[in-house]
């Protein structure tokens, strides 16, 4: 779980806590990839339940949950998910994603 410490225990604000957490998780993800692992960061979480389950203090703000591991073979998925996972990927052309101005 990625948690931002938004203030010290004494109450001093830490305005860059969320940015710092993002940087640390980005570097963690790069290192995991270098080590042959995959990461999947998730934000669709019930933060109140998570905060209560881990008894987090007021100054600790959970921001993300990250799964880390190896990728299993797609044939372990249901047929529909296997088809989606193994389907050819199509990338949009850059000019459909970015507005270039001269």
PDB file of N, CA and C in Angstrom:
ATOM      1  N   UNK A   1       0.853  -1.166   0.000  1.00  0.00           N
ATOM      2  CA  UNK A   1       0.000   0.000   0.000  1.00  0.00           C
ATOM      3  C   UNK A   1       0.900   1.230   0.000  1.00  0.00           C
ATOM      4  N   UNK A   2       0.550   2.220  -0.806  1.00  0.00           N
ATOM      5  CA  UNK A   2       1.271   3.481  -0.844  1.00  0.00           C
ATOM      6  C   UNK A   2       0.568   4.486   0.041  1.00  0.00           C
ATOM      7  N   UNK A   3       1.270   4.963   1.062  1.00  0.00           N
ATOM      8  CA  UNK A   3       0.681   5.874   2.038  1.00  0.00           C
ATOM      9  C   UNK A   3       1.503   7.158   2.074  1.00  0.00           C
ATOM     10  N   UNK A   4       0.819   8.306   1.967  1.00  0.00           N
ATOM     11  CA  UNK A   4       1.487   9.601   2.084  1.00  0.00           C
ATOM     12  C   UNK A   4       1.369  10.076   3.533  1.00  0.00           C
ATOM     13  N   UNK A   5       2.496  10.430   4.118  1.00  0.00           N
ATOM     14  CA  UNK A   5       2.489  11.001   5.467  1.00  0.00           C
ATOM     15  C   UNK A   5       2.333  12.509   5.294  1.00  0.00           C
ATOM     16  N   UNK A   6       1.091  12.988   5.404  1.00  0.00           N
ATOM     17  CA  UNK A   6       0.771  14.370   5.058  1.00  0.00           C
ATOM     18  C   UNK A   6       1.211  15.388   6.102  1.00  0.00           C
ATOM     19  N   UNK A   7       1.549  14.920   7.282  1.00  0.00           N
ATOM     20  CA  UNK A   7       2.112  15.797   8.315  1.00  0.00           C
ATOM     21  C   UNK A   7       2.932  14.943   9.268  1.00  0.00           C
ATOM     22  N   UNK A   8       3.811  15.618   9.996  1.00  0.00           N
ATOM     23  CA  UNK A   8       4.598  14.905  11.007  1.00  0.00           C
ATOM     24  C   UNK A   8       3.675  14.559  12.172  1.00  0.00           C
ATOM     25  N   UNK A   9       4.106  13.671  13.056  1.00  0.00           N
ATOM     26  CA  UNK A   9       3.274  13.368  14.233  1.00  0.00           C
ATOM     27  C   UNK A   9       2.993  14.612  15.080  1.00  0.00           C
ATOM     28  N   UNK A  10       3.869  15.625  14.964  1.00  0.00           N
ATOM     29  CA  UNK A  10       3.686  16.866  15.721  1.00  0.00           C
ATOM     30  C   UNK A  10       2.735  17.840  15.021  1.00  0.00           C
ATOM     31  N   UNK A  11       2.314  17.500  13.792  1.00  0.00           N
ATOM     32  CA  UNK A  11       1.368  18.334  13.072  1.00  0.00           C
ATOM     33  C   UNK A  11       1.963  19.240  12.016  1.00  0.00           C
ATOM     34  N   UNK A  12       3.282  19.201  11.821  1.00  0.00           N
ATOM     35  CA  UNK A  12       3.907  20.014  10.781  1.00  0.00           C
ATOM     36  C   UNK A  12       3.539  19.448   9.409  1.00  0.00           C
ATOM     37  N   UNK A  13       2.991  20.293   8.543  1.00  0.00           N
ATOM     38  CA  UNK A  13       2.539  19.853   7.227  1.00  0.00           C
ATOM     39  C   UNK A  13       3.674  19.378   6.339  1.00  0.00           C
ATOM     40  N   UNK A  14       3.373  18.427   5.520  1.00  0.00           N
ATOM     41  CA  UNK A  14       4.315  17.904   4.525  1.00  0.00           C
ATOM     42  C   UNK A  14       3.633  18.043   3.160  1.00  0.00           C
ATOM     43  N   UNK A  15       3.721  19.254   2.559  1.00  0.00           N
ATOM     44  CA  UNK A  15       2.955  19.534   1.338  1.00  0.00           C
ATOM     45  C   UNK A  15       3.349  18.703   0.123  1.00  0.00           C
ATOM     46  N   UNK A  16       4.513  18.105   0.148  1.00  0.00           N
ATOM     47  CA  UNK A  16       4.960  17.320  -1.014  1.00  0.00           C
ATOM     48  C   UNK A  16       4.832  15.813  -0.786  1.00  0.00           C
ATOM     49  N   UNK A  17       4.131  15.424   0.242  1.00  0.00           N
ATOM     50  CA  UNK A  17       4.030  14.003   0.587  1.00  0.00           C
ATOM     51  C   UNK A  17       3.465  13.163  -0.548  1.00  0.00           C
ATOM     52  N   UNK A  18       2.422  13.634  -1.204  1.00  0.00           N
ATOM     53  CA  UNK A  18       1.808  12.860  -2.281  1.00  0.00           C
ATOM     54  C   UNK A  18       2.734  12.787  -3.491  1.00  0.00           C
ATOM     55  N   UNK A  19       3.416  13.883  -3.793  1.00  0.00           N
ATOM     56  CA  UNK A  19       4.396  13.880  -4.887  1.00  0.00           C
ATOM     57  C   UNK A  19       5.525  12.899  -4.576  1.00  0.00           C
ATOM     58  N   UNK A  20       6.039  12.959  -3.352  1.00  0.00           N
ATOM     59  CA  UNK A  20       7.128  12.067  -2.952  1.00  0.00           C
ATOM     60  C   UNK A  20       6.703  10.602  -3.054  1.00  0.00           C
ATOM     61  N   UNK A  21       5.483  10.314  -2.648  1.00  0.00           N
ATOM     62  CA  UNK A  21       4.977   8.942  -2.757  1.00  0.00           C
ATOM     63  C   UNK A  21       4.919   8.511  -4.213  1.00  0.00           C
ATOM     64  N   UNK A  22       4.441   9.405  -5.078  1.00  0.00           N
ATOM     65  CA  UNK A  22       4.385   9.094  -6.502  1.00  0.00           C
ATOM     66  C   UNK A  22       5.760   8.793  -7.069  1.00  0.00           C
ATOM     67  N   UNK A  23       6.749   9.592  -6.683  1.00  0.00           N
ATOM     68  CA  UNK A  23       8.117   9.362  -7.143  1.00  0.00           C
ATOM     69  C   UNK A  23       8.638   8.013  -6.647  1.00  0.00           C
ATOM     70  N   UNK A  24       8.389   7.718  -5.388  1.00  0.00           N
ATOM     71  CA  UNK A  24       8.905   6.454  -4.849  1.00  0.00           C
ATOM     72  C   UNK A  24       8.244   5.254  -5.522  1.00  0.00           C
ATOM     73  N   UNK A  25       6.945   5.337  -5.794  1.00  0.00           N
ATOM     74  CA  UNK A  25       6.266   4.226  -6.457  1.00  0.00           C
ATOM     75  C   UNK A  25       6.684   4.105  -7.917  1.00  0.00           C
ATOM     76  N   UNK A  26       6.975   5.233  -8.562  1.00  0.00           N
ATOM     77  CA  UNK A  26       7.465   5.178  -9.943  1.00  0.00           C
ATOM     78  C   UNK A  26       8.806   4.457  -9.994  1.00  0.00           C
ATOM     79  N   UNK A  27       9.703   4.817  -9.090  1.00  0.00           N
ATOM     80  CA  UNK A  27      11.015   4.178  -9.068  1.00  0.00           C
ATOM     81  C   UNK A  27      10.921   2.709  -8.644  1.00  0.00           C
ATOM     82  N   UNK A  28      10.016   2.430  -7.719  1.00  0.00           N
ATOM     83  CA  UNK A  28       9.769   1.044  -7.315  1.00  0.00           C
ATOM     84  C   UNK A  28       9.326   0.221  -8.519  1.00  0.00           C
ATOM     85  N   UNK A  29       8.423   0.784  -9.334  1.00  0.00           N
ATOM     86  CA  UNK A  29       7.917   0.082 -10.516  1.00  0.00           C
ATOM     87  C   UNK A  29       9.025  -0.176 -11.529  1.00  0.00           C
ATOM     88  N   UNK A  30       9.887   0.815 -11.733  1.00  0.00           N
ATOM     89  CA  UNK A  30      11.008   0.642 -12.662  1.00  0.00           C
ATOM     90  C   UNK A  30      11.949  -0.452 -12.161  1.00  0.00           C
ATOM     91  N   UNK A  31      12.255  -0.441 -10.863  1.00  0.00           N
ATOM     92  CA  UNK A  31      13.142  -1.460 -10.310  1.00  0.00           C
ATOM     93  C   UNK A  31      12.509  -2.841 -10.388  1.00  0.00           C
ATOM     94  N   UNK A  32      11.223  -2.926 -10.112  1.00  0.00           N
ATOM     95  CA  UNK A  32      10.525  -4.220 -10.215  1.00  0.00           C
ATOM     96  C   UNK A  32      10.634  -4.763 -11.630  1.00  0.00           C
ATOM     97  N   UNK A  33      10.405  -3.912 -12.624  1.00  0.00           N
ATOM     98  CA  UNK A  33      10.509  -4.334 -14.025  1.00  0.00           C
ATOM     99  C   UNK A  33      11.919  -4.809 -14.328  1.00  0.00           C
ATOM    100  N   UNK A  34      12.919  -4.094 -13.820  1.00  0.00           N
ATOM    101  CA  UNK A  34      14.319  -4.494 -14.038  1.00  0.00           C
ATOM    102  C   UNK A  34      14.611  -5.858 -13.409  1.00  0.00           C
ATOM    103  N   UNK A  35      13.892  -6.175 -12.343  1.00  0.00           N
ATOM    104  CA  UNK A  35      14.068  -7.456 -11.651  1.00  0.00           C
ATOM    105  C   UNK A  35      13.154  -8.552 -12.200  1.00  0.00           C
ATOM    106  N   UNK A  36      12.449  -8.265 -13.292  1.00  0.00           N
ATOM    107  CA  UNK A  36      11.588  -9.263 -13.904  1.00  0.00           C
ATOM    108  C   UNK A  36      10.214  -9.375 -13.281  1.00  0.00           C
ATOM    109  N   UNK A  37       9.823  -8.386 -12.512  1.00  0.00           N
ATOM    110  CA  UNK A  37       8.511  -8.392 -11.874  1.00  0.00           C
ATOM    111  C   UNK A  37       7.610  -7.362 -12.532  1.00  0.00           C
ATOM    112  N   UNK A  38       6.336  -7.504 -12.308  1.00  0.00           N
ATOM    113  CA  UNK A  38       5.358  -6.579 -12.849  1.00  0.00           C
ATOM    114  C   UNK A  38       4.621  -5.934 -11.691  1.00  0.00           C
ATOM    115  N   UNK A  39       4.201  -4.692 -11.887  1.00  0.00           N
ATOM    116  CA  UNK A  39       3.409  -4.000 -10.874  1.00  0.00           C
ATOM    117  C   UNK A  39       2.087  -3.572 -11.490  1.00  0.00           C
ATOM    118  N   UNK A  40       1.080  -3.532 -10.657  1.00  0.00           N
ATOM    119  CA  UNK A  40      -0.235  -3.041 -11.081  1.00  0.00           C
ATOM    120  C   UNK A  40      -0.754  -2.169  -9.949  1.00  0.00           C
ATOM    121  N   UNK A  41      -0.803  -0.860 -10.201  1.00  0.00           N
ATOM    122  CA  UNK A  41      -1.267   0.062  -9.172  1.00  0.00           C
ATOM    123  C   UNK A  41      -2.765   0.253  -9.299  1.00  0.00           C
ATOM    124  N   UNK A  42      -3.421   0.279  -8.157  1.00  0.00           N
ATOM    125  CA  UNK A  42      -4.883   0.362  -8.129  1.00  0.00           C
ATOM    126  C   UNK A  42      -5.326   1.512  -7.240  1.00  0.00           C
ATOM    127  N   UNK A  43      -6.364   2.213  -7.692  1.00  0.00           N
ATOM    128  CA  UNK A  43      -6.903   3.310  -6.902  1.00  0.00           C
ATOM    129  C   UNK A  43      -8.385   3.100  -6.579  1.00  0.00           C
ATOM    130  N   UNK A  44      -9.030   2.140  -7.186  1.00  0.00           N
ATOM    131  CA  UNK A  44     -10.444   1.886  -6.926  1.00  0.00           C
ATOM    132  C   UNK A  44     -10.624   1.068  -5.657  1.00  0.00           C
ATOM    133  N   UNK A  45     -10.281   1.681  -4.552  1.00  0.00           N
ATOM    134  CA  UNK A  45     -10.249   0.977  -3.266  1.00  0.00           C
ATOM    135  C   UNK A  45     -11.131   1.734  -2.277  1.00  0.00           C
ATOM    136  N   UNK A  46     -11.727   1.053  -1.346  1.00  0.00           N
ATOM    137  CA  UNK A  46     -12.479   1.714  -0.279  1.00  0.00           C
ATOM    138  C   UNK A  46     -11.473   2.193   0.766  1.00  0.00           C
ATOM    139  N   UNK A  47     -11.051   3.445   0.641  1.00  0.00           N
ATOM    140  CA  UNK A  47      -9.982   3.984   1.494  1.00  0.00           C
ATOM    141  C   UNK A  47     -10.381   4.010   2.963  1.00  0.00           C
ATOM    142  N   UNK A  48     -11.654   4.243   3.261  1.00  0.00           N
ATOM    143  CA  UNK A  48     -12.086   4.258   4.659  1.00  0.00           C
ATOM    144  C   UNK A  48     -11.907   2.887   5.298  1.00  0.00           C
ATOM    145  N   UNK A  49     -12.284   1.839   4.582  1.00  0.00           N
ATOM    146  CA  UNK A  49     -12.111   0.481   5.110  1.00  0.00           C
ATOM    147  C   UNK A  49     -10.635   0.150   5.295  1.00  0.00           C
ATOM    148  N   UNK A  50      -9.823   0.560   4.328  1.00  0.00           N
ATOM    149  CA  UNK A  50      -8.389   0.301   4.397  1.00  0.00           C
ATOM    150  C   UNK A  50      -7.763   1.038   5.585  1.00  0.00           C
ATOM    151  N   UNK A  51      -8.156   2.296   5.756  1.00  0.00           N
ATOM    152  CA  UNK A  51      -7.646   3.102   6.870  1.00  0.00           C
ATOM    153  C   UNK A  51      -8.000   2.446   8.206  1.00  0.00           C
ATOM    154  N   UNK A  52      -9.220   1.977   8.323  1.00  0.00           N
ATOM    155  CA  UNK A  52      -9.654   1.319   9.559  1.00  0.00           C
ATOM    156  C   UNK A  52      -8.959  -0.028   9.748  1.00  0.00           C
ATOM    157  N   UNK A  53      -8.841  -0.805   8.675  1.00  0.00           N
ATOM    158  CA  UNK A  53      -8.232  -2.136   8.774  1.00  0.00           C
ATOM    159  C   UNK A  53      -6.784  -2.057   9.241  1.00  0.00           C
ATOM    160  N   UNK A  54      -6.063  -1.009   8.816  1.00  0.00           N
ATOM    161  CA  UNK A  54      -4.664  -0.865   9.197  1.00  0.00           C
ATOM    162  C   UNK A  54      -4.470   0.137  10.329  1.00  0.00           C
ATOM    163  N   UNK A  55      -5.587   0.627  10.879  1.00  0.00           N
ATOM    164  CA  UNK A  55      -5.547   1.555  12.004  1.00  0.00           C
ATOM    165  C   UNK A  55      -4.582   2.722  11.729  1.00  0.00           C
ATOM    166  N   UNK A  56      -4.749   3.354  10.559  1.00  0.00           N
ATOM    167  CA  UNK A  56      -3.854   4.431  10.160  1.00  0.00           C
ATOM    168  C   UNK A  56      -4.167   5.717  10.914  1.00  0.00           C
ATOM    169  N   UNK A  57      -3.128   6.409  11.310  1.00  0.00           N
ATOM    170  CA  UNK A  57      -3.281   7.697  11.982  1.00  0.00           C
ATOM    171  C   UNK A  57      -3.827   8.736  11.002  1.00  0.00           C
ATOM    172  N   UNK A  58      -4.340   9.841  11.545  1.00  0.00           N
ATOM    173  CA  UNK A  58      -4.931  10.909  10.724  1.00  0.00           C
ATOM    174  C   UNK A  58      -3.967  11.465   9.688  1.00  0.00           C
ATOM    175  N   UNK A  59      -2.683  11.472  10.004  1.00  0.00           N
ATOM    176  CA  UNK A  59      -1.695  12.068   9.093  1.00  0.00           C
ATOM    177  C   UNK A  59      -1.204  11.090   8.019  1.00  0.00           C
ATOM    178  N   UNK A  60      -1.760   9.887   7.991  1.00  0.00           N
ATOM    179  CA  UNK A  60      -1.366   8.888   6.997  1.00  0.00           C
ATOM    180  C   UNK A  60      -2.505   8.691   6.011  1.00  0.00           C
ATOM    181  N   UNK A  61      -2.246   9.045   4.756  1.00  0.00           N
ATOM    182  CA  UNK A  61      -3.281   9.006   3.721  1.00  0.00           C
ATOM    183  C   UNK A  61      -2.957   7.919   2.707  1.00  0.00           C
ATOM    184  N   UNK A  62      -3.732   6.836   2.690  1.00  0.00           N
ATOM    185  CA  UNK A  62      -3.489   5.803   1.675  1.00  0.00           C
ATOM    186  C   UNK A  62      -3.863   6.348   0.299  1.00  0.00           C
ATOM    187  N   UNK A  63      -2.976   6.132  -0.677  1.00  0.00           N
ATOM    188  CA  UNK A  63      -3.178   6.683  -2.015  1.00  0.00           C
ATOM    189  C   UNK A  63      -3.313   5.609  -3.089  1.00  0.00           C
ATOM    190  N   UNK A  64      -2.677   4.472  -2.873  1.00  0.00           N
ATOM    191  CA  UNK A  64      -2.690   3.429  -3.893  1.00  0.00           C
ATOM    192  C   UNK A  64      -2.364   2.085  -3.259  1.00  0.00           C
ATOM    193  N   UNK A  65      -2.790   1.051  -3.919  1.00  0.00           N
ATOM    194  CA  UNK A  65      -2.414  -0.316  -3.561  1.00  0.00           C
ATOM    195  C   UNK A  65      -1.703  -0.878  -4.783  1.00  0.00           C
ATOM    196  N   UNK A  66      -0.570  -1.524  -4.578  1.00  0.00           N
ATOM    197  CA  UNK A  66       0.212  -2.033  -5.691  1.00  0.00           C
ATOM    198  C   UNK A  66       0.398  -3.535  -5.560  1.00  0.00           C
ATOM    199  N   UNK A  67      -0.049  -4.249  -6.579  1.00  0.00           N
ATOM    200  CA  UNK A  67       0.213  -5.685  -6.657  1.00  0.00           C
ATOM    201  C   UNK A  67       1.553  -5.866  -7.369  1.00  0.00           C
ATOM    202  N   UNK A  68       2.364  -6.791  -6.860  1.00  0.00           N
ATOM    203  CA  UNK A  68       3.681  -7.057  -7.442  1.00  0.00           C
ATOM    204  C   UNK A  68       3.796  -8.559  -7.656  1.00  0.00           C
ATOM    205  N   UNK A  69       4.275  -8.953  -8.837  1.00  0.00           N
ATOM    206  CA  UNK A  69       4.442 -10.379  -9.072  1.00  0.00           C
ATOM    207  C   UNK A  69       4.872 -10.680 -10.486  1.00  0.00           C
ATOM    208  N   UNK A  70       4.711 -11.915 -10.841  1.00  0.00           N
ATOM    209  CA  UNK A  70       5.042 -12.360 -12.188  1.00  0.00           C
ATOM    210  C   UNK A  70       3.744 -12.534 -12.967  1.00  0.00           C
ATOM    211  N   UNK A  71       3.859 -12.584 -14.287  1.00  0.00           N
ATOM    212  CA  UNK A  71       2.678 -12.750 -15.122  1.00  0.00           C
ATOM    213  C   UNK A  71       2.497 -14.233 -15.423  1.00  0.00           C
ATOM    214  N   UNK A  72       1.298 -14.718 -15.165  1.00  0.00           N
ATOM    215  CA  UNK A  72       0.979 -16.112 -15.458  1.00  0.00           C
ATOM    216  C   UNK A  72       0.582 -16.242 -16.929  1.00  0.00           C
ATOM    217  N   UNK A  73       0.526 -17.429 -17.390  1.00  0.00           N
ATOM    218  CA  UNK A  73       0.121 -17.709 -18.761  1.00  0.00           C
ATOM    219  C   UNK A  73      -1.335 -17.312 -18.962  1.00  0.00           C
ATOM    220  N   UNK A  74      -1.640 -16.719 -20.125  1.00  0.00           N
ATOM    221  CA  UNK A  74      -3.004 -16.275 -20.418  1.00  0.00           C
ATOM    222  C   UNK A  74      -3.995 -17.433 -20.469  1.00  0.00           C
ATOM    223  N   UNK A  75      -3.525 -18.659 -20.705  1.00  0.00           N
ATOM    224  CA  UNK A  75      -4.450 -19.788 -20.783  1.00  0.00           C
ATOM    225  C   UNK A  75      -5.057 -20.148 -19.425  1.00  0.00           C
ATOM    226  N   UNK A  76      -4.616 -19.499 -18.373  1.00  0.00           N
ATOM    227  CA  UNK A  76      -5.208 -19.718 -17.050  1.00  0.00           C
ATOM    228  C   UNK A  76      -6.447 -18.846 -16.845  1.00  0.00           C
ATOM    229  N   UNK A  77      -6.679 -17.908 -17.754  1.00  0.00           N
ATOM    230  CA  UNK A  77      -7.831 -17.018 -17.660  1.00  0.00           C
ATOM    231  C   UNK A  77      -9.077 -17.674 -18.240  1.00  0.00           C
ATOM    232  N   UNK A  78     -10.225 -17.075 -17.950  1.00  0.00           N
ATOM    233  CA  UNK A  78     -11.454 -17.529 -18.605  1.00  0.00           C
ATOM    234  C   UNK A  78     -11.308 -17.264 -20.102  1.00  0.00           C
ATOM    235  N   UNK A  79     -12.131 -17.920 -20.898  1.00  0.00           N
ATOM    236  CA  UNK A  79     -12.001 -17.801 -22.356  1.00  0.00           C
ATOM    237  C   UNK A  79     -12.115 -16.343 -22.819  1.00  0.00           C
ATOM    238  N   UNK A  80     -13.074 -15.625 -22.277  1.00  0.00           N
ATOM    239  CA  UNK A  80     -13.271 -14.227 -22.688  1.00  0.00           C
ATOM    240  C   UNK A  80     -12.057 -13.377 -22.323  1.00  0.00           C
ATOM    241  N   UNK A  81     -11.563 -13.520 -21.111  1.00  0.00           N
ATOM    242  CA  UNK A  81     -10.397 -12.741 -20.688  1.00  0.00           C
ATOM    243  C   UNK A  81      -9.137 -13.154 -21.436  1.00  0.00           C
ATOM    244  N   UNK A  82      -9.006 -14.428 -21.734  1.00  0.00           N
ATOM    245  CA  UNK A  82      -7.845 -14.887 -22.507  1.00  0.00           C
ATOM    246  C   UNK A  82      -7.849 -14.257 -23.899  1.00  0.00           C
ATOM    247  N   UNK A  83      -9.014 -14.216 -24.537  1.00  0.00           N
ATOM    248  CA  UNK A  83      -9.106 -13.595 -25.864  1.00  0.00           C
ATOM    249  C   UNK A  83      -8.724 -12.118 -25.796  1.00  0.00           C
ATOM    250  N   UNK A  84      -9.208 -11.431 -24.785  1.00  0.00           N
ATOM    251  CA  UNK A  84      -8.894 -10.004 -24.639  1.00  0.00           C
ATOM    252  C   UNK A  84      -7.406  -9.794 -24.371  1.00  0.00           C
ATOM    253  N   UNK A  85      -6.834 -10.646 -23.543  1.00  0.00           N
ATOM    254  CA  UNK A  85      -5.413 -10.519 -23.182  1.00  0.00           C
ATOM    255  C   UNK A  85      -4.490 -10.800 -24.353  1.00  0.00           C
ATOM    256  N   UNK A  86      -4.860 -11.744 -25.195  1.00  0.00           N
ATOM    257  CA  UNK A  86      -3.972 -12.147 -26.294  1.00  0.00           C
ATOM    258  C   UNK A  86      -4.302 -11.468 -27.628  1.00  0.00           C
ATOM    259  N   UNK A  87      -5.346 -10.642 -27.655  1.00  0.00           N
ATOM    260  CA  UNK A  87      -5.714  -9.941 -28.890  1.00  0.00           C
ATOM    261  C   UNK A  87      -4.605  -8.967 -29.281  1.00  0.00           C
ATOM    262  N   UNK A  88      -4.414  -8.765 -30.576  1.00  0.00           N
ATOM    263  CA  UNK A  88      -3.404  -7.791 -31.022  1.00  0.00           C
ATOM    264  C   UNK A  88      -3.731  -6.396 -30.474  1.00  0.00           C
ATOM    265  N   UNK A  89      -2.706  -5.673 -30.074  1.00  0.00           N
ATOM    266  CA  UNK A  89      -2.887  -4.319 -29.554  1.00  0.00           C
ATOM    267  C   UNK A  89      -2.841  -3.325 -30.703  1.00  0.00           C
ATOM    268  N   UNK A  90      -3.703  -2.345 -30.657  1.00  0.00           N
ATOM    269  CA  UNK A  90      -3.711  -1.300 -31.677  1.00  0.00           C
ATOM    270  C   UNK A  90      -3.503   0.033 -30.977  1.00  0.00           C
ATOM    271  N   UNK A  91      -2.453   0.727 -31.350  1.00  0.00           N
ATOM    272  CA  UNK A  91      -2.153   2.037 -30.790  1.00  0.00           C
ATOM    273  C   UNK A  91      -2.732   3.122 -31.678  1.00  0.00           C
ATOM    274  N   UNK A  92      -3.264   4.170 -31.056  1.00  0.00           N
ATOM    275  CA  UNK A  92      -3.748   5.305 -31.817  1.00  0.00           C
ATOM    276  C   UNK A  92      -2.565   6.081 -32.376  1.00  0.00           C
ATOM    277  N   UNK A  93      -2.731   6.665 -33.549  1.00  0.00           N
ATOM    278  CA  UNK A  93      -1.662   7.513 -34.090  1.00  0.00           C
ATOM    279  C   UNK A  93      -1.444   8.710 -33.171  1.00  0.00           C
ATOM    280  N   UNK A  94      -0.224   9.201 -33.123  1.00  0.00           N
ATOM    281  CA  UNK A  94       0.134  10.304 -32.233  1.00  0.00           C
ATOM    282  C   UNK A  94      -0.729  11.542 -32.489  1.00  0.00           C
ATOM    283  N   UNK A  95      -1.065  11.806 -33.744  1.00  0.00           N
ATOM    284  CA  UNK A  95      -1.853  12.999 -34.031  1.00  0.00           C
ATOM    285  C   UNK A  95      -3.299  12.915 -33.516  1.00  0.00           C
ATOM    286  N   UNK A  96      -3.734  11.733 -33.113  1.00  0.00           N
ATOM    287  CA  UNK A  96      -5.049  11.586 -32.483  1.00  0.00           C
ATOM    288  C   UNK A  96      -4.974  11.756 -30.967  1.00  0.00           C
ATOM    289  N   UNK A  97      -3.771  11.731 -30.426  1.00  0.00           N
ATOM    290  CA  UNK A  97      -3.591  11.839 -28.986  1.00  0.00           C
ATOM    291  C   UNK A  97      -3.043  13.197 -28.548  1.00  0.00           C
ATOM    292  N   UNK A  98      -2.283  13.846 -29.431  1.00  0.00           N
ATOM    293  CA  UNK A  98      -1.569  15.057 -29.066  1.00  0.00           C
ATOM    294  C   UNK A  98      -1.934  16.168 -30.038  1.00  0.00           C
ATOM    295  N   UNK A  99      -2.222  17.350 -29.497  1.00  0.00           N
ATOM    296  CA  UNK A  99      -2.471  18.512 -30.336  1.00  0.00           C
ATOM    297  C   UNK A  99      -1.148  19.247 -30.519  1.00  0.00           C
ATOM    298  N   UNK A 100      -0.641  19.248 -31.729  1.00  0.00           N
ATOM    299  CA  UNK A 100       0.621  19.906 -32.027  1.00  0.00           C
ATOM    300  C   UNK A 100       0.337  21.282 -32.601  1.00  0.00           C
ATOM    301  N   UNK A 101       0.954  22.280 -32.040  1.00  0.00           N
ATOM    302  CA  UNK A 101       0.805  23.658 -32.536  1.00  0.00           C
ATOM    303  C   UNK A 101       2.143  24.161 -33.025  1.00  0.00           C
ATOM    304  N   UNK A 102       2.089  24.915 -34.092  1.00  0.00           N
ATOM    305  CA  UNK A 102       3.347  25.476 -34.592  1.00  0.00           C
ATOM    306  C   UNK A 102       3.427  26.962 -34.354  1.00  0.00           C
TER     307      UNK A 102
END
